[in-house]
Amino acid sequence: MIFVKFLVFAAIAIVIVKLVASLFGKGNIPLLNNLITVILGIFVAFEVIKLGQILWEKFI
């Protein structure tokens, strides 16, 4: 569980770094763009899976 918390905090830190870089006009860094895309993709997938589980439990 500690490893998962570390990954979550690392993802939040990466998003904050991207936000700060964007605020200073340096937001077009390919590595940060790719990391943000992966982080947001994982987040959306997690939320869709959780929603599916809730709907599955409610209707089945």
PDB file of N, CA and C in Angstrom:
ATOM      1  N   MET A   1       0.822  -1.193   0.000  1.00  0.00           N
ATOM      2  CA  MET A   1       0.000   0.000   0.000  1.00  0.00           C
ATOM      3  C   MET A   1       0.868   1.259   0.000  1.00  0.00           C
ATOM      4  N   ILE A   2       2.019   1.187   0.653  1.00  0.00           N
ATOM      5  CA  ILE A   2       2.913   2.335   0.701  1.00  0.00           C
ATOM      6  C   ILE A   2       3.420   2.663  -0.701  1.00  0.00           C
ATOM      7  N   PHE A   3       3.694   1.632  -1.502  1.00  0.00           N
ATOM      8  CA  PHE A   3       4.170   1.842  -2.870  1.00  0.00           C
ATOM      9  C   PHE A   3       3.114   2.550  -3.712  1.00  0.00           C
ATOM     10  N   VAL A   4       1.862   2.172  -3.530  1.00  0.00           N
ATOM     11  CA  VAL A   4       0.774   2.808  -4.276  1.00  0.00           C
ATOM     12  C   VAL A   4       0.650   4.275  -3.874  1.00  0.00           C
ATOM     13  N   LYS A   5       0.757   4.559  -2.583  1.00  0.00           N
ATOM     14  CA  LYS A   5       0.703   5.949  -2.122  1.00  0.00           C
ATOM     15  C   LYS A   5       1.852   6.756  -2.714  1.00  0.00           C
ATOM     16  N   PHE A   6       3.029   6.147  -2.779  1.00  0.00           N
ATOM     17  CA  PHE A   6       4.178   6.821  -3.380  1.00  0.00           C
ATOM     18  C   PHE A   6       3.904   7.151  -4.843  1.00  0.00           C
ATOM     19  N   LEU A   7       3.328   6.204  -5.573  1.00  0.00           N
ATOM     20  CA  LEU A   7       3.014   6.442  -6.980  1.00  0.00           C
ATOM     21  C   LEU A   7       1.987   7.557  -7.145  1.00  0.00           C
ATOM     22  N   VAL A   8       0.993   7.583  -6.272  1.00  0.00           N
ATOM     23  CA  VAL A   8      -0.030   8.635  -6.342  1.00  0.00           C
ATOM     24  C   VAL A   8       0.598   9.997  -6.075  1.00  0.00           C
ATOM     25  N   PHE A   9       1.433  10.095  -5.041  1.00  0.00           N
ATOM     26  CA  PHE A   9       2.076  11.371  -4.737  1.00  0.00           C
ATOM     27  C   PHE A   9       3.051  11.784  -5.836  1.00  0.00           C
ATOM     28  N   ALA A  10       3.735  10.818  -6.439  1.00  0.00           N
ATOM     29  CA  ALA A  10       4.631  11.134  -7.553  1.00  0.00           C
ATOM     30  C   ALA A  10       3.838  11.667  -8.740  1.00  0.00           C
ATOM     31  N   ALA A  11       2.692  11.061  -9.011  1.00  0.00           N
ATOM     32  CA  ALA A  11       1.847  11.530 -10.114  1.00  0.00           C
ATOM     33  C   ALA A  11       1.342  12.942  -9.843  1.00  0.00           C
ATOM     34  N   ILE A  12       0.934  13.209  -8.610  1.00  0.00           N
ATOM     35  CA  ILE A  12       0.479  14.557  -8.253  1.00  0.00           C
ATOM     36  C   ILE A  12       1.619  15.558  -8.414  1.00  0.00           C
ATOM     37  N   ALA A  13       2.822  15.171  -8.005  1.00  0.00           N
ATOM     38  CA  ALA A  13       3.978  16.060  -8.143  1.00  0.00           C
ATOM     39  C   ALA A  13       4.273  16.355  -9.608  1.00  0.00           C
ATOM     40  N   ILE A  14       4.162  15.347 -10.465  1.00  0.00           N
ATOM     41  CA  ILE A  14       4.406  15.549 -11.893  1.00  0.00           C
ATOM     42  C   ILE A  14       3.374  16.507 -12.478  1.00  0.00           C
ATOM     43  N   VAL A  15       2.122  16.343 -12.085  1.00  0.00           N
ATOM     44  CA  VAL A  15       1.072  17.245 -12.574  1.00  0.00           C
ATOM     45  C   VAL A  15       1.331  18.674 -12.096  1.00  0.00           C
ATOM     46  N   ILE A  16       1.767  18.843 -10.858  1.00  0.00           N
ATOM     47  CA  ILE A  16       2.072  20.183 -10.341  1.00  0.00           C
ATOM     48  C   ILE A  16       3.255  20.792 -11.081  1.00  0.00           C
ATOM     49  N   VAL A  17       4.285  19.987 -11.356  1.00  0.00           N
ATOM     50  CA  VAL A  17       5.435  20.482 -12.116  1.00  0.00           C
ATOM     51  C   VAL A  17       4.994  20.935 -13.501  1.00  0.00           C
ATOM     52  N   LYS A  18       4.128  20.163 -14.138  1.00  0.00           N
ATOM     53  CA  LYS A  18       3.617  20.537 -15.463  1.00  0.00           C
ATOM     54  C   LYS A  18       2.823  21.836 -15.378  1.00  0.00           C
ATOM     55  N   LEU A  19       2.008  21.990 -14.352  1.00  0.00           N
ATOM     56  CA  LEU A  19       1.226  23.213 -14.173  1.00  0.00           C
ATOM     57  C   LEU A  19       2.138  24.421 -13.995  1.00  0.00           C
ATOM     58  N   VAL A  20       3.151  24.293 -13.153  1.00  0.00           N
ATOM     59  CA  VAL A  20       4.080  25.399 -12.918  1.00  0.00           C
ATOM     60  C   VAL A  20       4.849  25.723 -14.194  1.00  0.00           C
ATOM     61  N   ALA A  21       5.287  24.685 -14.910  1.00  0.00           N
ATOM     62  CA  ALA A  21       5.998  24.916 -16.175  1.00  0.00           C
ATOM     63  C   ALA A  21       5.100  25.639 -17.174  1.00  0.00           C
ATOM     64  N   SER A  22       3.842  25.273 -17.214  1.00  0.00           N
ATOM     65  CA  SER A  22       2.905  25.930 -18.128  1.00  0.00           C
ATOM     66  C   SER A  22       2.678  27.388 -17.734  1.00  0.00           C
ATOM     67  N   LEU A  23       2.615  27.651 -16.437  1.00  0.00           N
ATOM     68  CA  LEU A  23       2.412  29.023 -15.975  1.00  0.00           C
ATOM     69  C   LEU A  23       3.581  29.928 -16.356  1.00  0.00           C
ATOM     70  N   PHE A  24       4.793  29.367 -16.413  1.00  0.00           N
ATOM     71  CA  PHE A  24       5.970  30.145 -16.778  1.00  0.00           C
ATOM     72  C   PHE A  24       6.285  30.077 -18.266  1.00  0.00           C
ATOM     73  N   GLY A  25       5.363  29.517 -19.052  1.00  0.00           N
ATOM     74  CA  GLY A  25       5.548  29.487 -20.493  1.00  0.00           C
ATOM     75  C   GLY A  25       6.459  28.388 -20.994  1.00  0.00           C
ATOM     76  N   LYS A  26       6.788  27.430 -20.162  1.00  0.00           N
ATOM     77  CA  LYS A  26       7.679  26.332 -20.544  1.00  0.00           C
ATOM     78  C   LYS A  26       6.948  24.994 -20.510  1.00  0.00           C
ATOM     79  N   GLY A  27       5.663  25.007 -20.817  1.00  0.00           N
ATOM     80  CA  GLY A  27       4.849  23.810 -20.677  1.00  0.00           C
ATOM     81  C   GLY A  27       4.938  22.830 -21.823  1.00  0.00           C
ATOM     82  N   ASN A  28       5.667  23.169 -22.879  1.00  0.00           N
ATOM     83  CA  ASN A  28       5.739  22.278 -24.034  1.00  0.00           C
ATOM     84  C   ASN A  28       6.981  21.393 -23.954  1.00  0.00           C
ATOM     85  N   ILE A  29       7.087  20.624 -22.891  1.00  0.00           N
ATOM     86  CA  ILE A  29       8.196  19.688 -22.696  1.00  0.00           C
ATOM     87  C   ILE A  29       7.664  18.295 -23.029  1.00  0.00           C
ATOM     88  N   PRO A  30       8.205  17.656 -24.068  1.00  0.00           N
ATOM     89  CA  PRO A  30       7.641  16.374 -24.524  1.00  0.00           C
ATOM     90  C   PRO A  30       7.567  15.298 -23.439  1.00  0.00           C
ATOM     91  N   LEU A  31       8.588  15.195 -22.596  1.00  0.00           N
ATOM     92  CA  LEU A  31       8.571  14.173 -21.546  1.00  0.00           C
ATOM     93  C   LEU A  31       7.428  14.424 -20.568  1.00  0.00           C
ATOM     94  N   LEU A  32       7.260  15.669 -20.146  1.00  0.00           N
ATOM     95  CA  LEU A  32       6.157  15.986 -19.231  1.00  0.00           C
ATOM     96  C   LEU A  32       4.809  15.757 -19.899  1.00  0.00           C
ATOM     97  N   ASN A  33       4.700  16.116 -21.176  1.00  0.00           N
ATOM     98  CA  ASN A  33       3.443  15.901 -21.894  1.00  0.00           C
ATOM     99  C   ASN A  33       3.090  14.417 -21.940  1.00  0.00           C
ATOM    100  N   ASN A  34       4.083  13.567 -22.204  1.00  0.00           N
ATOM    101  CA  ASN A  34       3.832  12.123 -22.248  1.00  0.00           C
ATOM    102  C   ASN A  34       3.459  11.581 -20.872  1.00  0.00           C
ATOM    103  N   LEU A  35       4.146  12.049 -19.835  1.00  0.00           N
ATOM    104  CA  LEU A  35       3.829  11.588 -18.479  1.00  0.00           C
ATOM    105  C   LEU A  35       2.418  11.997 -18.070  1.00  0.00           C
ATOM    106  N   ILE A  36       2.035  13.220 -18.384  1.00  0.00           N
ATOM    107  CA  ILE A  36       0.691  13.687 -18.047  1.00  0.00           C
ATOM    108  C   ILE A  36      -0.357  12.867 -18.790  1.00  0.00           C
ATOM    109  N   THR A  37      -0.084  12.555 -20.062  1.00  0.00           N
ATOM    110  CA  THR A  37      -1.019  11.738 -20.837  1.00  0.00           C
ATOM    111  C   THR A  37      -1.199  10.365 -20.203  1.00  0.00           C
ATOM    112  N   VAL A  38      -0.106   9.753 -19.784  1.00  0.00           N
ATOM    113  CA  VAL A  38      -0.180   8.430 -19.141  1.00  0.00           C
ATOM    114  C   VAL A  38      -0.919   8.521 -17.811  1.00  0.00           C
ATOM    115  N   ILE A  39      -0.589   9.526 -17.006  1.00  0.00           N
ATOM    116  CA  ILE A  39      -1.234   9.683 -15.697  1.00  0.00           C
ATOM    117  C   ILE A  39      -2.741   9.877 -15.859  1.00  0.00           C
ATOM    118  N   LEU A  40      -3.138  10.750 -16.770  1.00  0.00           N
ATOM    119  CA  LEU A  40      -4.568  10.989 -16.966  1.00  0.00           C
ATOM    120  C   LEU A  40      -5.266   9.763 -17.547  1.00  0.00           C
ATOM    121  N   GLY A  41      -4.582   9.029 -18.418  1.00  0.00           N
ATOM    122  CA  GLY A  41      -5.155   7.795 -18.963  1.00  0.00           C
ATOM    123  C   GLY A  41      -5.391   6.756 -17.882  1.00  0.00           C
ATOM    124  N   ILE A  42      -4.430   6.604 -16.983  1.00  0.00           N
ATOM    125  CA  ILE A  42      -4.580   5.653 -15.872  1.00  0.00           C
ATOM    126  C   ILE A  42      -5.719   6.093 -14.960  1.00  0.00           C
ATOM    127  N   PHE A  43      -5.799   7.394 -14.680  1.00  0.00           N
ATOM    128  CA  PHE A  43      -6.862   7.908 -13.821  1.00  0.00           C
ATOM    129  C   PHE A  43      -8.236   7.647 -14.429  1.00  0.00           C
ATOM    130  N   VAL A  44      -8.391   7.932 -15.713  1.00  0.00           N
ATOM    131  CA  VAL A  44      -9.680   7.711 -16.378  1.00  0.00           C
ATOM    132  C   VAL A  44     -10.027   6.229 -16.387  1.00  0.00           C
ATOM    133  N   ALA A  45      -9.055   5.368 -16.678  1.00  0.00           N
ATOM    134  CA  ALA A  45      -9.304   3.924 -16.673  1.00  0.00           C
ATOM    135  C   ALA A  45      -9.738   3.456 -15.284  1.00  0.00           C
ATOM    136  N   PHE A  46      -9.079   3.946 -14.246  1.00  0.00           N
ATOM    137  CA  PHE A  46      -9.427   3.583 -12.875  1.00  0.00           C
ATOM    138  C   PHE A  46     -10.860   4.000 -12.554  1.00  0.00           C
ATOM    139  N   GLU A  47     -11.223   5.219 -12.937  1.00  0.00           N
ATOM    140  CA  GLU A  47     -12.572   5.710 -12.662  1.00  0.00           C
ATOM    141  C   GLU A  47     -13.630   4.924 -13.434  1.00  0.00           C
ATOM    142  N   VAL A  48     -13.347   4.565 -14.667  1.00  0.00           N
ATOM    143  CA  VAL A  48     -14.302   3.774 -15.456  1.00  0.00           C
ATOM    144  C   VAL A  48     -14.481   2.393 -14.839  1.00  0.00           C
ATOM    145  N   ILE A  49     -13.390   1.790 -14.381  1.00  0.00           N
ATOM    146  CA  ILE A  49     -13.484   0.475 -13.732  1.00  0.00           C
ATOM    147  C   ILE A  49     -14.302   0.580 -12.451  1.00  0.00           C
ATOM    148  N   LYS A  50     -14.044   1.606 -11.644  1.00  0.00           N
ATOM    149  CA  LYS A  50     -14.812   1.784 -10.403  1.00  0.00           C
ATOM    150  C   LYS A  50     -16.295   2.008 -10.700  1.00  0.00           C
ATOM    151  N   LEU A  51     -16.600   2.810 -11.709  1.00  0.00           N
ATOM    152  CA  LEU A  51     -17.988   3.037 -12.095  1.00  0.00           C
ATOM    153  C   LEU A  51     -18.637   1.739 -12.554  1.00  0.00           C
ATOM    154  N   GLY A  52     -17.912   0.949 -13.323  1.00  0.00           N
ATOM    155  CA  GLY A  52     -18.426  -0.348 -13.759  1.00  0.00           C
ATOM    156  C   GLY A  52     -18.715  -1.268 -12.590  1.00  0.00           C
ATOM    157  N   GLN A  53     -17.837  -1.265 -11.595  1.00  0.00           N
ATOM    158  CA  GLN A  53     -18.059  -2.092 -10.406  1.00  0.00           C
ATOM    159  C   GLN A  53     -19.309  -1.646  -9.654  1.00  0.00           C
ATOM    160  N   ILE A  54     -19.494  -0.347  -9.528  1.00  0.00           N
ATOM    161  CA  ILE A  54     -20.673   0.169  -8.826  1.00  0.00           C
ATOM    162  C   ILE A  54     -21.944  -0.215  -9.568  1.00  0.00           C
ATOM    163  N   LEU A  55     -21.941  -0.019 -10.882  1.00  0.00           N
ATOM    164  CA  LEU A  55     -23.121  -0.381 -11.669  1.00  0.00           C
ATOM    165  C   LEU A  55     -23.372  -1.882 -11.627  1.00  0.00           C
ATOM    166  N   TRP A  56     -22.330  -2.682 -11.663  1.00  0.00           N
ATOM    167  CA  TRP A  56     -22.459  -4.133 -11.608  1.00  0.00           C
ATOM    168  C   TRP A  56     -23.111  -4.555 -10.293  1.00  0.00           C
ATOM    169  N   GLU A  57     -22.646  -3.978  -9.172  1.00  0.00           N
ATOM    170  CA  GLU A  57     -23.206  -4.327  -7.868  1.00  0.00           C
ATOM    171  C   GLU A  57     -24.653  -3.846  -7.730  1.00  0.00           C
ATOM    172  N   LYS A  58     -24.978  -2.725  -8.336  1.00  0.00           N
ATOM    173  CA  LYS A  58     -26.314  -2.170  -8.185  1.00  0.00           C
ATOM    174  C   LYS A  58     -27.354  -2.958  -8.979  1.00  0.00           C
ATOM    175  N   PHE A  59     -27.006  -3.382 -10.174  1.00  0.00           N
ATOM    176  CA  PHE A  59     -27.989  -4.003 -11.053  1.00  0.00           C
ATOM    177  C   PHE A  59     -27.894  -5.525 -11.117  1.00  0.00           C
ATOM    178  N   ILE A  60     -26.862  -6.104 -10.582  1.00  0.00           N
ATOM    179  CA  ILE A  60     -26.739  -7.570 -10.653  1.00  0.00           C
ATOM    180  C   ILE A  60     -26.710  -8.149  -9.253  1.00  0.00           C
TER     181      ILE A  60
END
